[in-house]
Amino acid sequence: MKSRLKPILAAALLAAALLPAIGQTAPAPSAAGAAEPFEGLMRRIEQLEAKARRVDELESQLNALKARADEPAVEAAIPVESWPKVQIQVLGHVNYRFSDLKSEKNSFLLGELATVTTVKLNEQAGVLTDIHLTSTPEGLVVELGRLYASYQFNDNFKLDVGRFNTAIGWYNNFYHNGSYYQTAVGRPAMQELDDMGGALPLRSNGVALSGEIPSGKHGLSYTVAVTNGRKYSFDDGEATAIVDDNDFKAVNVQLRAKPEWTPNWSFGAAGAGHARGLWLRDD
């Protein structure tokens, strides 16, 4: 036992002798050097706290989205069609006449005013009225351009009854009213209205059937009409009578094509004639 204590005591004495020397040689750490690790640790703690707050915010947003997703879906309100529907279009123009003749006076001229009213009773039935107001030296002239009721059975069959445009030519079908929509300053001579001196009956009174012809890429369509015939008299006015003065009727047929390979072109043929062998009466 005594032999073991001697080495331990010797080691303790040696350590006691060396401690003062070590304390004198090792420099004491500065206050700035001791603060740097602490500041870095505090910055790290602040960053972690900011990330934790951000995670909490994202978690709350995610929970809110989940709550909305769990709510029962509300069906979108389907708009209900209301009938009848009325659409009124007003078309008119003002002219200015200029001439270098001394006998002529430069003057503004009030042109034609047209009101087109379309009434949709439902998805298939409707009524159209077209009333013209024209200023003349004798006064204001009121004229009924069109008045017909229509019923759309499907894309292939549409029935019109009343006073409508005669299916003759492209111009009469698509540029009937409104000088703004016409491709020329005035109507072509061949398409001048019959009550204005034109040779063709551009308005008819009767019944017409029109629609598309199933033809694929050819785009065929048709119009067939039976109307009042031409007047037997040569007085001024329309070529086709509003009230027929004879028992015979007129027939109007038009066939149109708008092929897909010519999207900007339409082709067609039409004819209208007074069928003396066609009458609608019992003798």
C-alpha atoms as a PDB file:
ATOM      1  CA  MET A   1       0.000   0.000   0.000  1.00  0.00           C
ATOM      2  CA  LYS A   2       2.803   2.374   0.882  1.00  0.00           C
ATOM      3  CA  SER A   3       4.563   1.560  -2.390  1.00  0.00           C
ATOM      4  CA  ARG A   4       1.519   2.760  -4.399  1.00  0.00           C
ATOM      5  CA  LEU A   5       1.117   6.023  -2.490  1.00  0.00           C
ATOM      6  CA  LYS A   6       4.582   7.187  -3.262  1.00  0.00           C
ATOM      7  CA  PRO A   7       4.100   7.471  -7.052  1.00  0.00           C
ATOM      8  CA  ILE A   8       0.745   9.211  -6.570  1.00  0.00           C
ATOM      9  CA  LEU A   9       2.222  11.780  -4.208  1.00  0.00           C
ATOM     10  CA  ALA A  10       5.077  12.372  -6.601  1.00  0.00           C
ATOM     11  CA  ALA A  11       2.689  13.027  -9.488  1.00  0.00           C
ATOM     12  CA  ALA A  12       0.641  15.417  -7.387  1.00  0.00           C
ATOM     13  CA  LEU A  13       3.702  17.395  -6.366  1.00  0.00           C
ATOM     14  CA  LEU A  14       4.834  17.628 -10.019  1.00  0.00           C
ATOM     15  CA  ALA A  15       1.444  18.910 -11.115  1.00  0.00           C
ATOM     16  CA  ALA A  16       1.406  21.504  -8.373  1.00  0.00           C
ATOM     17  CA  ALA A  17       4.776  22.732  -9.494  1.00  0.00           C
ATOM     18  CA  LEU A  18       3.771  23.030 -13.182  1.00  0.00           C
ATOM     19  CA  LEU A  19       0.416  24.832 -12.705  1.00  0.00           C
ATOM     20  CA  PRO A  20       1.884  28.265 -11.942  1.00  0.00           C
ATOM     21  CA  ALA A  21       4.056  28.042 -15.038  1.00  0.00           C
ATOM     22  CA  ILE A  22       1.156  27.093 -17.289  1.00  0.00           C
ATOM     23  CA  GLY A  23      -0.978  29.902 -15.872  1.00  0.00           C
ATOM     24  CA  GLN A  24       1.790  32.394 -16.657  1.00  0.00           C
ATOM     25  CA  THR A  25       2.444  31.221 -20.269  1.00  0.00           C
ATOM     26  CA  ALA A  26      -1.238  30.740 -21.548  1.00  0.00           C
ATOM     27  CA  PRO A  27      -2.785  34.125 -22.501  1.00  0.00           C
ATOM     28  CA  ALA A  28      -6.254  34.887 -21.134  1.00  0.00           C
ATOM     29  CA  PRO A  29      -8.996  34.968 -23.845  1.00  0.00           C
ATOM     30  CA  SER A  30     -10.226  38.465 -24.808  1.00  0.00           C
ATOM     31  CA  ALA A  31     -13.816  39.597 -24.170  1.00  0.00           C
ATOM     32  CA  ALA A  32     -14.480  40.127 -27.919  1.00  0.00           C
ATOM     33  CA  GLY A  33     -13.298  36.637 -28.817  1.00  0.00           C
ATOM     34  CA  ALA A  34     -15.489  35.099 -26.149  1.00  0.00           C
ATOM     35  CA  ALA A  35     -18.601  37.042 -27.419  1.00  0.00           C
ATOM     36  CA  GLU A  36     -18.364  35.980 -31.108  1.00  0.00           C
ATOM     37  CA  PRO A  37     -19.530  32.362 -30.640  1.00  0.00           C
ATOM     38  CA  PHE A  38     -22.405  33.598 -28.480  1.00  0.00           C
ATOM     39  CA  GLU A  39     -23.589  36.132 -31.095  1.00  0.00           C
ATOM     40  CA  GLY A  40     -23.439  33.495 -33.838  1.00  0.00           C
ATOM     41  CA  LEU A  41     -25.480  31.150 -31.703  1.00  0.00           C
ATOM     42  CA  MET A  42     -28.107  33.852 -31.096  1.00  0.00           C
ATOM     43  CA  ARG A  43     -28.391  34.585 -34.834  1.00  0.00           C
ATOM     44  CA  ARG A  44     -28.877  30.906 -35.516  1.00  0.00           C
ATOM     45  CA  ILE A  45     -31.598  30.731 -32.880  1.00  0.00           C
ATOM     46  CA  GLU A  46     -33.391  33.746 -34.419  1.00  0.00           C
ATOM     47  CA  GLN A  47     -33.268  32.144 -37.901  1.00  0.00           C
ATOM     48  CA  LEU A  48     -34.715  28.921 -36.555  1.00  0.00           C
ATOM     49  CA  GLU A  49     -37.484  30.821 -34.789  1.00  0.00           C
ATOM     50  CA  ALA A  50     -38.342  32.700 -38.041  1.00  0.00           C
ATOM     51  CA  LYS A  51     -38.501  29.407 -39.945  1.00  0.00           C
ATOM     52  CA  ALA A  52     -40.718  27.942 -37.250  1.00  0.00           C
ATOM     53  CA  ARG A  53     -43.112  30.893 -37.520  1.00  0.00           C
ATOM     54  CA  ARG A  54     -43.203  30.510 -41.325  1.00  0.00           C
ATOM     55  CA  VAL A  55     -43.955  26.801 -40.981  1.00  0.00           C
ATOM     56  CA  ASP A  56     -46.811  27.629 -38.621  1.00  0.00           C
ATOM     57  CA  GLU A  57     -48.246  30.130 -41.138  1.00  0.00           C
ATOM     58  CA  LEU A  58     -48.062  27.625 -44.006  1.00  0.00           C
ATOM     59  CA  GLU A  59     -49.642  24.959 -41.847  1.00  0.00           C
ATOM     60  CA  SER A  60     -52.561  27.252 -40.969  1.00  0.00           C
ATOM     61  CA  GLN A  61     -53.069  28.111 -44.670  1.00  0.00           C
ATOM     62  CA  LEU A  62     -52.999  24.434 -45.588  1.00  0.00           C
ATOM     63  CA  ASN A  63     -55.581  23.641 -42.934  1.00  0.00           C
ATOM     64  CA  ALA A  64     -57.820  26.417 -44.271  1.00  0.00           C
ATOM     65  CA  LEU A  65     -57.573  25.021 -47.811  1.00  0.00           C
ATOM     66  CA  LYS A  66     -58.387  21.537 -46.564  1.00  0.00           C
ATOM     67  CA  ALA A  67     -61.431  22.897 -44.748  1.00  0.00           C
ATOM     68  CA  ARG A  68     -62.667  24.553 -47.943  1.00  0.00           C
ATOM     69  CA  ALA A  69     -62.093  21.376 -49.928  1.00  0.00           C
ATOM     70  CA  ASP A  70     -64.148  19.403 -47.436  1.00  0.00           C
ATOM     71  CA  GLU A  71     -67.114  21.764 -47.804  1.00  0.00           C
ATOM     72  CA  PRO A  72     -69.923  20.451 -50.059  1.00  0.00           C
ATOM     73  CA  ALA A  73     -69.648  21.761 -53.616  1.00  0.00           C
ATOM     74  CA  VAL A  74     -72.200  24.407 -54.533  1.00  0.00           C
ATOM     75  CA  GLU A  75     -73.589  23.963 -58.040  1.00  0.00           C
ATOM     76  CA  ALA A  76     -73.235  26.992 -60.292  1.00  0.00           C
ATOM     77  CA  ALA A  77     -76.483  28.743 -60.996  1.00  0.00           C
ATOM     78  CA  ILE A  78     -77.729  27.871 -64.486  1.00  0.00           C
ATOM     79  CA  PRO A  79     -79.140  30.940 -66.265  1.00  0.00           C
ATOM     80  CA  VAL A  80     -82.790  30.512 -67.123  1.00  0.00           C
ATOM     81  CA  GLU A  81     -83.911  31.732 -70.524  1.00  0.00           C
ATOM     82  CA  SER A  82     -86.657  34.321 -70.331  1.00  0.00           C
ATOM     83  CA  TRP A  83     -89.089  34.805 -73.187  1.00  0.00           C
ATOM     84  CA  PRO A  84     -90.006  36.753 -75.194  1.00  0.00           C
ATOM     85  CA  LYS A  85     -86.822  38.537 -76.263  1.00  0.00           C
ATOM     86  CA  VAL A  86     -87.056  41.792 -78.203  1.00  0.00           C
ATOM     87  CA  GLN A  87     -84.257  43.286 -80.305  1.00  0.00           C
ATOM     88  CA  ILE A  88     -84.642  46.633 -82.082  1.00  0.00           C
ATOM     89  CA  GLN A  89     -82.215  47.861 -84.755  1.00  0.00           C
ATOM     90  CA  VAL A  90     -82.377  51.347 -86.247  1.00  0.00           C
ATOM     91  CA  LEU A  91     -80.685  52.036 -89.594  1.00  0.00           C
ATOM     92  CA  GLY A  92     -80.580  55.383 -91.352  1.00  0.00           C
ATOM     93  CA  HIS A  93     -78.445  57.737 -93.396  1.00  0.00           C
ATOM     94  CA  VAL A  94     -78.130  61.362 -94.508  1.00  0.00           C
ATOM     95  CA  ASN A  95     -76.954  62.362 -98.004  1.00  0.00           C
ATOM     96  CA  TYR A  96     -75.368  65.488 -99.441  1.00  0.00           C
ATOM     97  CA  ARG A  97     -75.915  66.374-103.091  1.00  0.00           C
ATOM     98  CA  PHE A  98     -73.348  68.524-104.868  1.00  0.00           C
ATOM     99  CA  SER A  99     -73.597  69.724-108.453  1.00  0.00           C
ATOM    100  CA  ASP A 100     -71.783  72.292-110.604  1.00  0.00           C
ATOM    101  CA  LEU A 101     -74.938  73.001-112.589  1.00  0.00           C
ATOM    102  CA  LYS A 102     -76.486  76.377-111.902  1.00  0.00           C
ATOM    103  CA  SER A 103     -79.946  74.895-112.002  1.00  0.00           C
ATOM    104  CA  GLU A 104     -79.108  72.456-109.190  1.00  0.00           C
ATOM    105  CA  LYS A 105     -78.779  73.406-105.549  1.00  0.00           C
ATOM    106  CA  ASN A 106     -76.290  71.852-103.189  1.00  0.00           C
ATOM    107  CA  SER A 107     -78.283  70.369-100.370  1.00  0.00           C
ATOM    108  CA  PHE A 108     -78.389  67.851 -97.567  1.00  0.00           C
ATOM    109  CA  LEU A 109     -80.937  65.105 -98.065  1.00  0.00           C
ATOM    110  CA  LEU A 110     -82.542  63.034 -95.366  1.00  0.00           C
ATOM    111  CA  GLY A 111     -82.268  59.412 -96.431  1.00  0.00           C
ATOM    112  CA  GLU A 112     -84.234  56.401 -95.385  1.00  0.00           C
ATOM    113  CA  LEU A 113     -84.780  55.409 -91.764  1.00  0.00           C
ATOM    114  CA  ALA A 114     -85.498  51.737 -91.108  1.00  0.00           C
ATOM    115  CA  THR A 115     -86.461  50.093 -87.840  1.00  0.00           C
ATOM    116  CA  VAL A 116     -86.051  46.325 -87.711  1.00  0.00           C
ATOM    117  CA  THR A 117     -87.677  44.664 -84.698  1.00  0.00           C
ATOM    118  CA  THR A 118     -87.120  40.992 -83.949  1.00  0.00           C
ATOM    119  CA  VAL A 119     -89.233  39.261 -81.313  1.00  0.00           C
ATOM    120  CA  LYS A 120     -88.191  35.773 -80.200  1.00  0.00           C
ATOM    121  CA  LEU A 121     -91.180  34.061 -78.617  1.00  0.00           C
ATOM    122  CA  ASN A 122     -89.110  30.984 -77.755  1.00  0.00           C
ATOM    123  CA  GLU A 123     -86.132  29.097 -79.151  1.00  0.00           C
ATOM    124  CA  GLN A 124     -88.044  28.187 -82.317  1.00  0.00           C
ATOM    125  CA  ALA A 125     -90.739  30.792 -82.971  1.00  0.00           C
ATOM    126  CA  GLY A 126     -90.325  34.469 -83.717  1.00  0.00           C
ATOM    127  CA  VAL A 127     -91.694  37.532 -85.509  1.00  0.00           C
ATOM    128  CA  LEU A 128     -89.810  40.168 -87.539  1.00  0.00           C
ATOM    129  CA  THR A 129     -91.032  43.603 -88.581  1.00  0.00           C
ATOM    130  CA  ASP A 130     -89.201  46.016 -90.889  1.00  0.00           C
ATOM    131  CA  ILE A 131     -90.679  49.513 -91.207  1.00  0.00           C
ATOM    132  CA  HIS A 132     -89.161  52.181 -93.476  1.00  0.00           C
ATOM    133  CA  LEU A 133     -89.563  55.938 -93.133  1.00  0.00           C
ATOM    134  CA  THR A 134     -88.575  57.883 -96.247  1.00  0.00           C
ATOM    135  CA  SER A 135     -88.513  61.659 -96.611  1.00  0.00           C
ATOM    136  CA  THR A 136     -89.811  62.919 -99.972  1.00  0.00           C
ATOM    137  CA  PRO A 137     -90.711  66.382-101.296  1.00  0.00           C
ATOM    138  CA  GLU A 138     -94.350  65.423-100.755  1.00  0.00           C
ATOM    139  CA  GLY A 139     -93.737  64.478 -97.120  1.00  0.00           C
ATOM    140  CA  LEU A 140     -92.849  61.483 -95.007  1.00  0.00           C
ATOM    141  CA  VAL A 141     -93.652  58.081 -96.507  1.00  0.00           C
ATOM    142  CA  VAL A 142     -94.120  55.056 -94.244  1.00  0.00           C
ATOM    143  CA  GLU A 143     -93.592  51.668 -95.863  1.00  0.00           C
ATOM    144  CA  LEU A 144     -93.784  48.134 -94.535  1.00  0.00           C
ATOM    145  CA  GLY A 145     -90.672  46.378 -95.802  1.00  0.00           C
ATOM    146  CA  ARG A 146     -91.044  43.003 -94.109  1.00  0.00           C
ATOM    147  CA  LEU A 147     -93.435  41.376 -91.690  1.00  0.00           C
ATOM    148  CA  TYR A 148     -93.361  37.645 -91.158  1.00  0.00           C
ATOM    149  CA  ALA A 149     -93.619  34.961 -88.519  1.00  0.00           C
ATOM    150  CA  SER A 150     -91.074  32.153 -88.542  1.00  0.00           C
ATOM    151  CA  TYR A 151     -90.778  28.738 -86.952  1.00  0.00           C
ATOM    152  CA  GLN A 152     -87.485  26.820 -86.869  1.00  0.00           C
ATOM    153  CA  PHE A 153     -88.223  23.090 -86.796  1.00  0.00           C
ATOM    154  CA  ASN A 154     -84.525  22.210 -87.079  1.00  0.00           C
ATOM    155  CA  ASP A 155     -81.490  23.165 -89.166  1.00  0.00           C
ATOM    156  CA  ASN A 156     -83.112  21.625 -92.248  1.00  0.00           C
ATOM    157  CA  PHE A 157     -86.568  23.190 -92.081  1.00  0.00           C
ATOM    158  CA  LYS A 158     -87.582  26.774 -91.314  1.00  0.00           C
ATOM    159  CA  LEU A 159     -91.037  28.088 -92.150  1.00  0.00           C
ATOM    160  CA  ASP A 160     -91.702  31.790 -92.859  1.00  0.00           C
ATOM    161  CA  VAL A 161     -95.205  33.169 -93.366  1.00  0.00           C
ATOM    162  CA  GLY A 162     -95.842  36.791 -94.306  1.00  0.00           C
ATOM    163  CA  ARG A 163     -93.917  39.416 -96.265  1.00  0.00           C
ATOM    164  CA  PHE A 164     -90.219  38.649 -96.742  1.00  0.00           C
ATOM    165  CA  ASN A 165     -87.304  39.157 -99.128  1.00  0.00           C
ATOM    166  CA  THR A 166     -87.487  37.207-102.347  1.00  0.00           C
ATOM    167  CA  ALA A 167     -84.648  34.691-102.575  1.00  0.00           C
ATOM    168  CA  ILE A 168     -83.034  36.247-105.663  1.00  0.00           C
ATOM    169  CA  GLY A 169     -79.321  36.947-105.653  1.00  0.00           C
ATOM    170  CA  TRP A 170     -76.874  37.429-102.808  1.00  0.00           C
ATOM    171  CA  TYR A 171     -77.384  41.179-102.502  1.00  0.00           C
ATOM    172  CA  ASN A 172     -81.091  41.073-101.804  1.00  0.00           C
ATOM    173  CA  ASN A 173     -80.675  38.419 -99.121  1.00  0.00           C
ATOM    174  CA  PHE A 174     -77.800  39.960 -97.162  1.00  0.00           C
ATOM    175  CA  TYR A 175     -77.761  43.715 -97.954  1.00  0.00           C
ATOM    176  CA  HIS A 176     -81.425  44.543 -97.815  1.00  0.00           C
ATOM    177  CA  ASN A 177     -81.202  47.416 -95.321  1.00  0.00           C
ATOM    178  CA  GLY A 178     -78.520  49.770 -94.101  1.00  0.00           C
ATOM    179  CA  SER A 179     -76.254  51.576 -96.538  1.00  0.00           C
ATOM    180  CA  TYR A 180     -73.362  51.143 -94.100  1.00  0.00           C
ATOM    181  CA  TYR A 181     -73.399  47.390 -94.707  1.00  0.00           C
ATOM    182  CA  GLN A 182     -73.652  47.653 -98.482  1.00  0.00           C
ATOM    183  CA  THR A 183     -70.580  47.176-100.627  1.00  0.00           C
ATOM    184  CA  ALA A 184     -71.494  50.129-102.875  1.00  0.00           C
ATOM    185  CA  VAL A 185     -72.842  53.650-102.389  1.00  0.00           C
ATOM    186  CA  GLY A 186     -76.261  52.564-103.615  1.00  0.00           C
ATOM    187  CA  ARG A 187     -78.060  49.415-104.595  1.00  0.00           C
ATOM    188  CA  PRO A 188     -77.098  47.890-107.961  1.00  0.00           C
ATOM    189  CA  ALA A 189     -79.541  48.624-110.768  1.00  0.00           C
ATOM    190  CA  MET A 190     -80.496  44.947-111.045  1.00  0.00           C
ATOM    191  CA  GLN A 191     -81.218  44.864-107.306  1.00  0.00           C
ATOM    192  CA  GLU A 192     -83.189  48.110-107.085  1.00  0.00           C
ATOM    193  CA  LEU A 193     -86.426  47.696-105.159  1.00  0.00           C
ATOM    194  CA  ASP A 194     -89.421  47.194-107.399  1.00  0.00           C
ATOM    195  CA  ASP A 195     -91.361  50.101-105.875  1.00  0.00           C
ATOM    196  CA  MET A 196     -88.381  52.327-106.755  1.00  0.00           C
ATOM    197  CA  GLY A 197     -88.347  51.309-110.405  1.00  0.00           C
ATOM    198  CA  GLY A 198     -86.597  47.953-110.159  1.00  0.00           C
ATOM    199  CA  ALA A 199     -87.481  45.155-112.558  1.00  0.00           C
ATOM    200  CA  LEU A 200     -87.288  42.230-110.120  1.00  0.00           C
ATOM    201  CA  PRO A 201     -89.849  41.381-107.420  1.00  0.00           C
ATOM    202  CA  LEU A 202     -87.485  41.674-104.447  1.00  0.00           C
ATOM    203  CA  ARG A 203     -90.242  41.321-101.853  1.00  0.00           C
ATOM    204  CA  SER A 204     -92.852  38.627-101.715  1.00  0.00           C
ATOM    205  CA  ASN A 205     -95.998  37.880 -99.754  1.00  0.00           C
ATOM    206  CA  GLY A 206     -96.658  34.236 -99.035  1.00  0.00           C
ATOM    207  CA  VAL A 207     -95.034  31.232 -97.424  1.00  0.00           C
ATOM    208  CA  ALA A 208     -91.402  30.074 -97.667  1.00  0.00           C
ATOM    209  CA  LEU A 209     -89.531  26.971 -96.545  1.00  0.00           C
ATOM    210  CA  SER A 210     -85.744  27.107 -96.155  1.00  0.00           C
ATOM    211  CA  GLY A 211     -82.903  25.264 -94.469  1.00  0.00           C
ATOM    212  CA  GLU A 212     -79.702  23.318 -94.849  1.00  0.00           C
ATOM    213  CA  ILE A 213     -79.286  20.264 -97.065  1.00  0.00           C
ATOM    214  CA  PRO A 214     -77.190  17.471 -95.488  1.00  0.00           C
ATOM    215  CA  SER A 215     -74.241  17.535 -97.875  1.00  0.00           C
ATOM    216  CA  GLY A 216     -71.084  17.362 -95.771  1.00  0.00           C
ATOM    217  CA  LYS A 217     -68.327  19.693 -96.956  1.00  0.00           C
ATOM    218  CA  HIS A 218     -70.431  21.136 -99.800  1.00  0.00           C
ATOM    219  CA  GLY A 219     -72.545  23.347 -97.482  1.00  0.00           C
ATOM    220  CA  LEU A 220     -75.762  23.228 -99.488  1.00  0.00           C
ATOM    221  CA  SER A 221     -78.910  25.127 -98.503  1.00  0.00           C
ATOM    222  CA  TYR A 222     -82.232  25.902-100.167  1.00  0.00           C
ATOM    223  CA  THR A 223     -85.285  28.161-100.231  1.00  0.00           C
ATOM    224  CA  VAL A 224     -88.668  27.342-101.762  1.00  0.00           C
ATOM    225  CA  ALA A 225     -91.520  29.862-101.648  1.00  0.00           C
ATOM    226  CA  VAL A 226     -95.063  30.211-102.942  1.00  0.00           C
ATOM    227  CA  THR A 227     -96.208  33.840-103.020  1.00  0.00           C
ATOM    228  CA  ASN A 228     -98.631  36.257-104.609  1.00  0.00           C
ATOM    229  CA  GLY A 229     -98.058  36.608-108.323  1.00  0.00           C
ATOM    230  CA  ARG A 230     -97.188  39.660-110.373  1.00  0.00           C
ATOM    231  CA  LYS A 231     -99.804  42.255-111.121  1.00  0.00           C
ATOM    232  CA  TYR A 232    -101.605  42.216-114.405  1.00  0.00           C
ATOM    233  CA  SER A 233    -101.789  46.015-114.402  1.00  0.00           C
ATOM    234  CA  PHE A 234     -98.938  48.381-115.310  1.00  0.00           C
ATOM    235  CA  ASP A 235     -99.545  50.984-112.643  1.00  0.00           C
ATOM    236  CA  ASP A 236     -96.748  52.260-110.439  1.00  0.00           C
ATOM    237  CA  GLY A 237     -95.865  50.290-107.369  1.00  0.00           C
ATOM    238  CA  GLU A 238     -94.492  46.921-106.501  1.00  0.00           C
ATOM    239  CA  ALA A 239     -94.195  44.227-109.096  1.00  0.00           C
ATOM    240  CA  THR A 240     -95.470  41.656-106.616  1.00  0.00           C
ATOM    241  CA  ALA A 241     -98.863  42.475-105.194  1.00  0.00           C
ATOM    242  CA  ILE A 242     -99.461  42.911-101.492  1.00  0.00           C
ATOM    243  CA  VAL A 243    -103.015  41.831-102.241  1.00  0.00           C
ATOM    244  CA  ASP A 244    -103.135  39.567-105.276  1.00  0.00           C
ATOM    245  CA  ASP A 245    -105.331  40.794-108.124  1.00  0.00           C
ATOM    246  CA  ASN A 246    -105.506  37.335-109.732  1.00  0.00           C
ATOM    247  CA  ASP A 247    -105.856  33.711-108.689  1.00  0.00           C
ATOM    248  CA  PHE A 248    -102.425  32.540-109.820  1.00  0.00           C
ATOM    249  CA  LYS A 249     -99.364  32.391-107.610  1.00  0.00           C
ATOM    250  CA  ALA A 250     -95.632  32.846-108.062  1.00  0.00           C
ATOM    251  CA  VAL A 251     -92.906  30.314-107.258  1.00  0.00           C
ATOM    252  CA  ASN A 252     -89.426  31.158-106.001  1.00  0.00           C
ATOM    253  CA  VAL A 253     -86.637  28.574-105.742  1.00  0.00           C
ATOM    254  CA  GLN A 254     -83.032  29.151-104.679  1.00  0.00           C
ATOM    255  CA  LEU A 255     -80.157  26.698-104.177  1.00  0.00           C
ATOM    256  CA  ARG A 256     -76.949  27.839-102.464  1.00  0.00           C
ATOM    257  CA  ALA A 257     -73.550  26.226-101.834  1.00  0.00           C
ATOM    258  CA  LYS A 258     -70.738  27.312 -99.508  1.00  0.00           C
ATOM    259  CA  PRO A 259     -68.018  24.640 -99.742  1.00  0.00           C
ATOM    260  CA  GLU A 260     -65.454  24.309 -96.970  1.00  0.00           C
ATOM    261  CA  TRP A 261     -62.565  24.569 -99.434  1.00  0.00           C
ATOM    262  CA  THR A 262     -63.752  28.064-100.488  1.00  0.00           C
ATOM    263  CA  PRO A 263     -64.675  29.703 -97.144  1.00  0.00           C
ATOM    264  CA  ASN A 264     -64.909  33.208 -98.656  1.00  0.00           C
ATOM    265  CA  TRP A 265     -67.066  32.210-101.612  1.00  0.00           C
ATOM    266  CA  SER A 266     -70.693  31.217-102.021  1.00  0.00           C
ATOM    267  CA  PHE A 267     -72.366  29.920-105.151  1.00  0.00           C
ATOM    268  CA  GLY A 268     -76.022  29.695-106.016  1.00  0.00           C
ATOM    269  CA  ALA A 269     -78.825  29.778-108.523  1.00  0.00           C
ATOM    270  CA  ALA A 270     -82.316  31.173-108.122  1.00  0.00           C
ATOM    271  CA  GLY A 271     -85.441  31.724-110.095  1.00  0.00           C
ATOM    272  CA  ALA A 272     -88.845  33.287-109.583  1.00  0.00           C
ATOM    273  CA  GLY A 273     -91.758  33.127-111.941  1.00  0.00           C
ATOM    274  CA  HIS A 274     -95.483  33.575-112.240  1.00  0.00           C
ATOM    275  CA  ALA A 275     -96.933  30.084-112.490  1.00  0.00           C
ATOM    276  CA  ARG A 276    -100.191  30.462-114.372  1.00  0.00           C
ATOM    277  CA  GLY A 277    -100.958  26.801-113.733  1.00  0.00           C
ATOM    278  CA  LEU A 278    -100.644  27.177-109.958  1.00  0.00           C
ATOM    279  CA  TRP A 279    -103.621  28.483-108.042  1.00  0.00           C
ATOM    280  CA  LEU A 280    -104.834  28.104-104.495  1.00  0.00           C
ATOM    281  CA  ARG A 281    -108.619  27.963-104.811  1.00  0.00           C
ATOM    282  CA  ASP A 282    -111.439  25.584-105.585  1.00  0.00           C
ATOM    283  CA  ASP A 283    -113.500  26.416-108.676  1.00  0.00           C
END
